[in-house]
């Protein structure tokens, strides 16, 4: 969402049956969530976040 991805696309990717479930997660933008995303990127694609 922070990257401009439409909420319906995020819903589909995450497999949520109802967009309200996805909306419940959109507020998570803490340092812990950013760190987790960076770690997943490195694990999946070898992405360097820094």
N, C-alpha and C. Protein backbone atom coordinates (compact mmCIF):
# COMPACT_ATOMS: atom_id res chain seq x y z
N UNK A 1 0.83 -1.18 0.00
CA UNK A 1 0.00 0.00 0.00
C UNK A 1 0.87 1.25 0.00
N UNK A 2 1.92 1.25 0.80
CA UNK A 2 2.80 2.42 0.86
C UNK A 2 3.51 2.66 -0.47
N UNK A 3 3.60 1.62 -1.31
CA UNK A 3 4.24 1.74 -2.61
C UNK A 3 3.25 2.06 -3.71
N UNK A 4 1.99 2.31 -3.34
CA UNK A 4 0.98 2.68 -4.32
C UNK A 4 0.23 1.51 -4.93
N UNK A 5 0.38 0.32 -4.37
CA UNK A 5 -0.33 -0.85 -4.86
C UNK A 5 -1.78 -0.76 -4.40
N UNK A 6 -2.71 -0.97 -5.31
CA UNK A 6 -4.14 -0.89 -4.99
C UNK A 6 -4.50 -1.95 -3.96
N UNK A 7 -5.36 -1.59 -3.02
CA UNK A 7 -5.73 -2.49 -1.92
C UNK A 7 -6.33 -3.80 -2.44
N UNK A 8 -7.03 -3.78 -3.55
CA UNK A 8 -7.60 -5.02 -4.10
C UNK A 8 -6.50 -5.95 -4.59
N UNK A 9 -5.42 -5.40 -5.11
CA UNK A 9 -4.28 -6.22 -5.53
C UNK A 9 -3.63 -6.86 -4.31
N UNK A 10 -3.47 -6.07 -3.25
CA UNK A 10 -2.89 -6.59 -2.01
C UNK A 10 -3.78 -7.70 -1.45
N UNK A 11 -5.09 -7.48 -1.48
CA UNK A 11 -6.05 -8.49 -1.01
C UNK A 11 -5.86 -9.80 -1.77
N UNK A 12 -5.75 -9.72 -3.07
CA UNK A 12 -5.58 -10.92 -3.90
C UNK A 12 -4.26 -11.63 -3.59
N UNK A 13 -3.19 -10.87 -3.50
CA UNK A 13 -1.87 -11.44 -3.22
C UNK A 13 -1.85 -12.15 -1.88
N UNK A 14 -2.48 -11.54 -0.86
CA UNK A 14 -2.48 -12.12 0.47
C UNK A 14 -3.53 -13.21 0.65
N UNK A 15 -4.45 -13.32 -0.30
CA UNK A 15 -5.46 -14.37 -0.23
C UNK A 15 -6.59 -14.08 0.73
N UNK A 16 -6.82 -12.81 1.01
CA UNK A 16 -7.92 -12.45 1.90
C UNK A 16 -9.25 -12.54 1.16
N UNK A 17 -10.24 -13.14 1.80
CA UNK A 17 -11.56 -13.28 1.17
C UNK A 17 -12.35 -11.98 1.21
N UNK A 18 -12.00 -11.10 2.10
CA UNK A 18 -12.74 -9.85 2.28
C UNK A 18 -11.73 -8.71 2.41
N UNK A 19 -11.97 -7.63 1.67
CA UNK A 19 -11.04 -6.51 1.69
C UNK A 19 -10.92 -5.90 3.08
N UNK A 20 -11.93 -6.07 3.91
CA UNK A 20 -11.84 -5.52 5.27
C UNK A 20 -10.72 -6.17 6.08
N UNK A 21 -10.43 -7.42 5.78
CA UNK A 21 -9.30 -8.08 6.44
C UNK A 21 -8.01 -7.39 6.04
N UNK A 22 -7.86 -7.14 4.76
CA UNK A 22 -6.67 -6.45 4.25
C UNK A 22 -6.55 -5.07 4.86
N UNK A 23 -7.66 -4.35 4.93
CA UNK A 23 -7.65 -3.01 5.50
C UNK A 23 -7.15 -3.02 6.94
N UNK A 24 -7.42 -4.09 7.66
CA UNK A 24 -6.96 -4.20 9.05
C UNK A 24 -5.46 -4.24 9.18
N UNK A 25 -4.78 -4.61 8.10
CA UNK A 25 -3.32 -4.71 8.12
C UNK A 25 -2.64 -3.48 7.54
N UNK A 26 -3.38 -2.58 6.93
CA UNK A 26 -2.74 -1.46 6.24
C UNK A 26 -2.08 -0.48 7.19
N UNK A 27 -2.45 -0.49 8.45
CA UNK A 27 -1.86 0.43 9.40
C UNK A 27 -0.49 -0.02 9.89
N UNK A 28 -0.12 -1.26 9.58
CA UNK A 28 1.15 -1.81 10.05
C UNK A 28 2.28 -1.27 9.19
N UNK A 29 2.95 -0.28 9.68
CA UNK A 29 4.09 0.30 8.96
C UNK A 29 5.23 0.55 9.94
N UNK A 30 5.28 -0.25 10.96
CA UNK A 30 6.29 -0.08 12.00
C UNK A 30 7.66 -0.52 11.50
N UNK A 31 8.66 -0.21 12.25
CA UNK A 31 10.02 -0.62 11.93
C UNK A 31 10.12 -2.14 11.87
N UNK A 32 9.39 -2.84 12.71
CA UNK A 32 9.40 -4.30 12.70
C UNK A 32 8.87 -4.82 11.36
N UNK A 33 7.78 -4.25 10.86
CA UNK A 33 7.21 -4.68 9.59
C UNK A 33 8.17 -4.37 8.44
N UNK A 34 8.81 -3.21 8.46
CA UNK A 34 9.77 -2.86 7.41
C UNK A 34 10.96 -3.81 7.43
N UNK A 35 11.43 -4.13 8.62
CA UNK A 35 12.55 -5.06 8.74
C UNK A 35 12.16 -6.44 8.21
N UNK A 36 10.96 -6.90 8.55
CA UNK A 36 10.50 -8.20 8.07
C UNK A 36 10.43 -8.21 6.54
N UNK A 37 9.92 -7.15 5.95
CA UNK A 37 9.81 -7.08 4.49
C UNK A 37 11.20 -7.09 3.84
N UNK A 38 12.14 -6.38 4.42
CA UNK A 38 13.50 -6.36 3.88
C UNK A 38 14.14 -7.73 3.97
N UNK A 39 13.92 -8.42 5.08
CA UNK A 39 14.48 -9.77 5.24
C UNK A 39 13.87 -10.73 4.22
N UNK A 40 12.57 -10.62 4.01
CA UNK A 40 11.90 -11.48 3.03
C UNK A 40 12.42 -11.19 1.63
N UNK A 41 12.62 -9.92 1.31
CA UNK A 41 13.17 -9.56 0.01
C UNK A 41 14.54 -10.16 -0.21
N UNK A 42 15.39 -10.08 0.78
CA UNK A 42 16.72 -10.67 0.67
C UNK A 42 16.64 -12.18 0.51
N UNK A 43 15.76 -12.82 1.28
CA UNK A 43 15.63 -14.27 1.22
C UNK A 43 15.10 -14.74 -0.13
N UNK A 44 14.14 -13.99 -0.67
CA UNK A 44 13.49 -14.41 -1.91
C UNK A 44 14.25 -14.00 -3.16
N UNK A 45 14.79 -12.79 -3.16
CA UNK A 45 15.37 -12.24 -4.38
C UNK A 45 16.80 -11.77 -4.22
N UNK A 46 17.38 -11.94 -3.05
CA UNK A 46 18.72 -11.47 -2.84
C UNK A 46 18.83 -9.96 -2.86
N UNK A 47 17.69 -9.30 -2.60
CA UNK A 47 17.64 -7.84 -2.65
C UNK A 47 18.48 -7.25 -1.52
N UNK A 48 19.18 -6.19 -1.84
CA UNK A 48 19.97 -5.47 -0.85
C UNK A 48 19.20 -4.21 -0.48
N UNK A 49 18.85 -4.06 0.79
CA UNK A 49 18.04 -2.91 1.21
C UNK A 49 18.88 -1.72 1.64
N UNK A 50 20.14 -1.75 1.44
CA UNK A 50 20.87 -0.62 1.93
C UNK A 50 21.98 -0.20 1.10
